[in-house]
Protein backbone atom coordinates (compact mmCIF):
# COMPACT_ATOMS: atom_id res chain seq x y z
CA UNK A 1 61.68 -46.33 30.95
CA UNK A 2 58.50 -45.36 32.77
CA UNK A 3 59.53 -41.76 32.58
CA UNK A 4 59.97 -41.97 28.85
CA UNK A 5 56.52 -43.53 28.45
CA UNK A 6 54.94 -40.75 30.56
CA UNK A 7 56.88 -38.08 28.68
CA UNK A 8 55.83 -39.60 25.37
CA UNK A 9 52.21 -39.68 26.55
CA UNK A 10 52.32 -36.03 27.63
CA UNK A 11 53.84 -34.93 24.30
CA UNK A 12 51.20 -36.88 22.34
CA UNK A 13 48.41 -35.35 24.56
CA UNK A 14 49.76 -31.80 23.95
CA UNK A 15 50.05 -32.45 20.25
CA UNK A 16 46.46 -33.69 20.14
CA UNK A 17 45.22 -30.56 21.95
CA UNK A 18 47.13 -28.31 19.55
CA UNK A 19 45.76 -30.25 16.58
CA UNK A 20 42.20 -29.87 17.78
CA UNK A 21 42.73 -26.17 18.38
CA UNK A 22 44.12 -25.80 14.85
CA UNK A 23 41.11 -27.63 13.39
CA UNK A 24 38.75 -25.31 15.17
CA UNK A 25 40.16 -22.25 13.36
CA UNK A 26 38.93 -23.19 9.86
CA UNK A 27 35.48 -23.59 11.30
CA UNK A 28 35.50 -20.10 12.72
CA UNK A 29 36.90 -18.79 9.43
CA UNK A 30 34.18 -20.68 7.47
CA UNK A 31 31.43 -19.15 9.62
CA UNK A 32 32.87 -15.68 9.12
CA UNK A 33 33.15 -16.32 5.35
CA UNK A 34 29.46 -17.47 5.30
CA UNK A 35 28.34 -14.36 7.13
CA UNK A 36 30.38 -12.18 4.79
CA UNK A 37 28.81 -13.91 1.71
CA UNK A 38 25.32 -13.44 3.12
CA UNK A 39 25.87 -9.77 3.91
CA UNK A 40 23.58 -7.52 1.84
CA UNK A 41 21.45 -10.34 0.47
CA UNK A 42 17.65 -10.30 0.67
CA UNK A 43 16.11 -11.38 3.95
CA UNK A 44 13.51 -14.08 4.49
CA UNK A 45 10.58 -12.00 5.70
CA UNK A 46 7.42 -12.09 3.56
CA UNK A 47 7.13 -9.23 1.03
CA UNK A 48 3.80 -7.47 1.60
CA UNK A 49 2.16 -5.86 -1.44
CA UNK A 50 -0.98 -3.74 -1.23
CA UNK A 51 -3.88 -4.74 -3.41
CA UNK A 52 -7.04 -2.98 -4.40
CA UNK A 53 -10.07 -4.49 -6.20
CA UNK A 54 -9.25 -2.75 -9.46
CA UNK A 55 -8.72 -4.97 -12.55
CA UNK A 56 -5.23 -3.67 -13.36
CA UNK A 57 -4.25 -3.85 -9.66
CA UNK A 58 -5.41 -7.44 -9.19
CA UNK A 59 -3.54 -8.32 -12.37
CA UNK A 60 -0.16 -6.81 -11.47
CA UNK A 61 -0.21 -7.84 -7.85
CA UNK A 62 -0.84 -11.42 -8.72
CA UNK A 63 1.78 -11.18 -11.47
CA UNK A 64 4.40 -10.06 -8.94
CA UNK A 65 3.34 -12.73 -6.49
CA UNK A 66 3.98 -15.39 -9.15
CA UNK A 67 7.27 -13.86 -10.26
CA UNK A 68 8.66 -13.45 -6.73
CA UNK A 69 7.48 -16.84 -5.42
CA UNK A 70 9.14 -18.47 -8.45
CA UNK A 71 12.35 -16.81 -7.13
CA UNK A 72 11.82 -18.28 -3.68
CA UNK A 73 10.36 -15.34 -1.87
CA UNK A 74 7.23 -15.38 0.31
CA UNK A 75 4.63 -12.81 -0.80
CA UNK A 76 1.52 -11.63 0.97
CA UNK A 77 -1.06 -9.63 -0.89
CA UNK A 78 -2.84 -7.21 1.50
CA UNK A 79 -6.24 -5.91 0.51
CA UNK A 80 -6.54 -2.23 1.46
CA UNK A 81 -7.82 0.99 -0.06
CA UNK A 82 -5.43 3.60 -1.31
CA UNK A 83 -5.42 5.74 1.82
CA UNK A 84 -4.59 2.76 4.07
CA UNK A 85 -1.91 1.54 1.67
CA UNK A 86 -0.07 4.83 1.60
CA UNK A 87 -0.22 5.34 5.33
CA UNK A 88 1.07 1.74 5.81
CA UNK A 89 3.97 2.23 3.38
CA UNK A 90 4.79 5.45 5.21
CA UNK A 91 4.86 3.75 8.63
CA UNK A 92 6.75 0.72 7.32
CA UNK A 93 4.06 -1.89 7.87
CA UNK A 94 3.55 -2.45 4.10
CA UNK A 95 6.42 -3.02 1.71
CA UNK A 96 4.90 -2.00 -1.67
CA UNK A 97 1.97 -0.01 -2.94
CA UNK A 98 2.15 -0.73 -6.65
CA UNK A 99 -0.28 1.72 -8.12
CA UNK A 100 0.16 5.46 -7.62
CA UNK A 101 -1.36 7.59 -10.40
CA UNK A 102 0.44 10.82 -11.14
CA UNK A 103 0.53 13.76 -11.67
CA UNK A 104 -3.17 14.31 -10.76
CA UNK A 105 -5.12 11.35 -9.37
CA UNK A 106 -2.94 10.50 -6.37
CA UNK A 107 -1.21 13.87 -6.05
CA UNK A 108 -2.60 14.36 -2.53
CA UNK A 109 -1.07 11.05 -1.33
CA UNK A 110 2.28 11.92 -2.97
CA UNK A 111 2.37 15.34 -1.38
CA UNK A 112 1.48 13.83 2.07
CA UNK A 113 3.86 10.91 2.03
CA UNK A 114 6.79 11.88 -0.27
CA UNK A 115 9.13 12.39 2.65
CA UNK A 116 8.14 9.15 4.42
CA UNK A 117 7.98 6.70 1.49
CA UNK A 118 10.08 6.01 -1.64
CA UNK A 119 8.36 6.74 -4.94
CA UNK A 120 9.87 5.22 -8.07
CA UNK A 121 11.46 7.74 -10.42
CA UNK A 122 10.00 6.04 -13.55
CA UNK A 123 6.46 4.83 -14.13
CA UNK A 124 5.62 1.20 -14.95
CA UNK A 125 2.75 2.35 -17.16
CA UNK A 126 2.65 5.69 -18.96
CA UNK A 127 -0.67 5.89 -20.91
CA UNK A 128 -3.38 6.19 -18.25
CA UNK A 129 -6.63 8.07 -18.96
CA UNK A 130 -9.06 9.14 -16.29
CA UNK A 131 -12.36 10.95 -16.53
CA UNK A 132 -16.12 10.87 -16.39
CA UNK A 133 -17.61 8.46 -18.89
CA UNK A 134 -21.06 7.80 -20.35
CA UNK A 135 -22.33 5.23 -22.87
CA UNK A 136 -21.66 5.93 -26.56
CA UNK A 137 -25.34 6.09 -27.30
CA UNK A 138 -25.71 9.28 -25.26
CA UNK A 139 -25.08 11.45 -28.39
CA UNK A 140 -26.09 14.74 -26.74
CA UNK A 141 -23.68 14.45 -23.81
CA UNK A 142 -20.05 14.88 -24.76
CA UNK A 143 -18.62 17.23 -22.14
CA UNK A 144 -18.72 17.51 -18.37
CA UNK A 145 -20.36 20.80 -18.97
CA UNK A 146 -23.38 19.00 -20.49
CA UNK A 147 -24.18 17.19 -17.21
CA UNK A 148 -26.13 19.80 -15.32
CA UNK A 149 -28.62 20.29 -18.16
CA UNK A 150 -29.24 16.49 -18.12
CA UNK A 151 -28.94 15.78 -14.42
CA UNK A 152 -32.52 14.35 -14.31
CA UNK A 153 -31.50 11.67 -16.78
CA UNK A 154 -28.89 10.46 -14.24
CA UNK A 155 -31.18 10.87 -11.19
CA UNK A 156 -28.71 13.47 -10.02
CA UNK A 157 -26.00 10.85 -9.45
CA UNK A 158 -22.54 10.01 -10.57
CA UNK A 159 -21.95 6.29 -9.79
CA UNK A 160 -18.57 5.93 -8.13
CA UNK A 161 -16.53 3.33 -6.37
CA UNK A 162 -14.37 3.05 -3.20
CA UNK A 163 -14.06 6.29 -1.20
CA UNK A 164 -10.50 7.37 -0.64
CA UNK A 165 -9.30 6.40 -4.15
CA UNK A 166 -7.44 9.26 -5.82
CA UNK A 167 -9.85 9.40 -8.73
CA UNK A 168 -12.82 9.70 -6.34
CA UNK A 169 -11.13 12.65 -4.62
CA UNK A 170 -10.53 14.33 -7.99
CA UNK A 171 -14.14 13.70 -8.97
CA UNK A 172 -15.13 15.70 -5.92
CA UNK A 173 -12.95 18.48 -7.28
CA UNK A 174 -14.65 18.07 -10.68
CA UNK A 175 -18.03 18.56 -9.04
CA UNK A 176 -16.81 21.75 -7.45
CA UNK A 177 -15.00 23.09 -10.49
CA UNK A 178 -17.95 22.67 -12.72
CA UNK A 179 -20.53 23.43 -10.08
CA UNK A 180 -22.28 20.17 -10.87
CA UNK A 181 -25.61 19.52 -9.25
CA UNK A 182 -24.96 15.79 -9.00
CA UNK A 183 -24.01 13.62 -6.05
CA UNK A 184 -20.99 11.23 -6.18
CA UNK A 185 -22.28 7.87 -5.00
CA UNK A 186 -19.71 5.76 -3.14
CA UNK A 187 -19.73 1.99 -3.63
CA UNK A 188 -17.12 -0.46 -4.90
CA UNK A 189 -15.45 -0.88 -8.20
CA UNK A 190 -17.23 -4.20 -8.73
CA UNK A 191 -20.62 -2.68 -7.91
CA UNK A 192 -19.95 0.33 -10.21
CA UNK A 193 -19.12 -1.96 -13.09
CA UNK A 194 -22.20 -4.11 -12.59
CA UNK A 195 -24.37 -0.89 -12.59
CA UNK A 196 -22.69 0.18 -15.82
CA UNK A 197 -23.36 -3.20 -17.42
CA UNK A 198 -27.01 -3.16 -16.37
CA UNK A 199 -27.50 0.44 -17.64
CA UNK A 200 -25.94 -0.32 -21.04
CA UNK A 201 -27.92 -3.52 -21.42
CA UNK A 202 -31.06 -1.48 -21.06
CA UNK A 203 -29.71 1.59 -22.95
CA UNK A 204 -30.23 3.73 -19.89
CA UNK A 205 -28.24 6.89 -18.90
CA UNK A 206 -25.29 6.51 -16.56
CA UNK A 207 -22.24 8.52 -15.76
CA UNK A 208 -19.18 7.16 -13.81
CA UNK A 209 -15.57 8.01 -13.14
CA UNK A 210 -13.51 5.47 -15.16
CA UNK A 211 -9.95 4.97 -16.21
CA UNK A 212 -8.02 3.17 -18.82
CA UNK A 213 -6.62 0.59 -18.69
CA UNK A 214 -9.92 -1.17 -17.73
CA UNK A 215 -11.59 -4.22 -19.26
CA UNK A 216 -14.97 -2.58 -19.18
CA UNK A 217 -14.12 -0.69 -22.37
CA UNK A 218 -13.79 -4.03 -24.18
CA UNK A 219 -17.22 -5.11 -22.91
CA UNK A 220 -19.37 -2.04 -23.49
CA UNK A 221 -19.03 1.11 -25.58
CA UNK A 222 -18.21 3.99 -23.24
CA UNK A 223 -16.77 7.40 -24.01
CA UNK A 224 -14.87 9.86 -21.84
CA UNK A 225 -16.52 13.32 -21.59
CA UNK A 226 -14.45 16.38 -22.51
CA UNK A 227 -12.86 18.11 -19.52
CA UNK A 228 -12.34 21.73 -20.56
CA UNK A 229 -10.97 22.72 -17.19
CA UNK A 230 -8.60 19.73 -17.29
CA UNK A 231 -9.38 18.85 -13.65
CA UNK A 232 -8.69 15.15 -14.30
CA UNK A 233 -5.44 16.07 -16.07
CA UNK A 234 -4.26 14.61 -19.33
CA UNK A 235 -2.15 11.44 -19.57
CA UNK A 236 -1.54 9.79 -16.21
CA UNK A 237 1.43 7.63 -15.29
CA UNK A 238 1.43 4.82 -12.76
CA UNK A 239 4.28 4.53 -10.25
CA UNK A 240 5.25 2.21 -7.44
CA UNK A 241 5.82 3.36 -3.88
CA UNK A 242 7.85 1.40 -1.35
CA UNK A 243 8.52 1.73 2.37
CA UNK A 244 11.78 3.32 3.53
CA UNK A 245 14.48 0.63 3.68
CA UNK A 246 12.80 -1.77 1.21
CA UNK A 247 15.58 -1.24 -1.29
CA UNK A 248 18.32 -2.31 1.17
CA UNK A 249 16.25 -5.25 2.49
CA UNK A 250 15.40 -6.66 -0.90
CA UNK A 251 18.00 -5.37 -3.29
CA UNK A 252 17.20 -7.74 -6.20
CA UNK A 253 13.48 -7.34 -5.89
CA UNK A 254 13.73 -3.56 -5.77
CA UNK A 255 15.88 -3.55 -8.90
CA UNK A 256 13.39 -5.78 -10.74
CA UNK A 257 10.40 -3.68 -9.71
CA UNK A 258 12.08 -0.41 -10.60
CA UNK A 259 12.89 -1.92 -14.10
CA UNK A 260 9.24 -3.02 -14.46
CA UNK A 261 7.30 -1.48 -17.29
CA UNK A 262 4.26 -2.62 -19.29
CA UNK A 263 2.85 -1.27 -22.55
CA UNK A 264 -0.79 -1.28 -23.57
CA UNK A 265 -0.66 -4.72 -25.23
CA UNK A 266 1.19 -6.32 -22.35
CA UNK A 267 -1.01 -4.90 -19.61
CA UNK A 268 -4.11 -5.61 -21.66
CA UNK A 269 -3.18 -9.32 -22.10
CA UNK A 270 -2.28 -9.61 -18.42
CA UNK A 271 -5.66 -8.17 -17.34
CA UNK A 272 -7.46 -10.46 -19.81
CA UNK A 273 -5.67 -13.58 -18.55
CA UNK A 274 -6.46 -12.71 -14.94
CA UNK A 275 -10.06 -11.74 -15.65
CA UNK A 276 -10.63 -15.11 -17.36
CA UNK A 277 -9.60 -16.70 -14.04
CA UNK A 278 -11.76 -14.38 -11.94
CA UNK A 279 -12.34 -16.92 -9.20
CA UNK A 280 -8.58 -17.76 -8.99
CA UNK A 281 -6.64 -14.81 -10.48
CA UNK A 282 -3.28 -16.28 -9.53
CA UNK A 283 -3.78 -18.94 -12.29
CA UNK A 284 -4.33 -16.26 -14.85
CA UNK A 285 -1.16 -14.48 -13.72
CA UNK A 286 0.79 -17.77 -13.95
CA UNK A 287 -0.34 -18.22 -17.54
CA UNK A 288 0.75 -14.69 -18.47
CA UNK A 289 4.14 -15.08 -16.71
CA UNK A 290 4.80 -18.32 -18.54
CA UNK A 291 4.01 -16.74 -21.91
CA UNK A 292 5.91 -13.52 -21.30
CA UNK A 293 9.07 -14.70 -19.65
CA UNK A 294 11.14 -12.64 -22.12
CA UNK A 295 9.48 -9.46 -20.88
CA UNK A 296 10.14 -10.43 -17.19
CA UNK A 297 13.78 -11.33 -17.98
CA UNK A 298 14.39 -7.77 -19.23
CA UNK A 299 13.28 -6.47 -15.79
CA UNK A 300 15.87 -8.74 -14.15
CA UNK A 301 18.80 -7.64 -16.22
């Protein structure tokens, strides 16, 4: 009788051990399934996007911050000039540089980094214009070739913006190509715009390298000077560049951003919304995103 009780106890104990072992297998299988389901999905690291103090750049970087954070991603906007951005994308410390003007303005950066960074095949904007501009009231100045004869009106200066920007580099080429006896003054985009506004308010001469899209053309009457040598090029397109490996780390985000495109009206309204919230541009971007969800949904298809 005692033996039977002991035998029964041992059998029950062995059965319990086998049951516990069997129960542990589904747990291991579940973990493996979870790992398999998570394979290839986006990681949790913050997405870093380069930003420059240009109106269209502030607009689109804040737009993407809103879109991606609505999707649950963390996004850091990193303020840096174009040279630093491209070097950072190339060495992998920056995920996205969203504004590369080609075929002329940022050609030097493309040539330098095309083997170290990924450049989108298609532009997100295809109607860019770049050149030297003067106020409309300067009737006798309509070509870059007119500048030398009128250099005293401009105090021998072309009012520029941040050094290192592709357009500033091309403007140096313009000075050489046309043998201009004018100096390109480096400052910031904001300082350049303020100088243009002040000159136009007083109907004074000024010449500056400008680009469209830019809100300044809706504020003051400026005209691009003819460029007979075509140093600035004709129509420019704006592309995105990403670090090597960004596509595999953020598959969905990469797909959305390569589908991204804006026409003149869409980019213009985005820039206007952001400009109206100059002190807090993210609010302007939120407004635009809310009102243009149909556009954004097309990028996510």
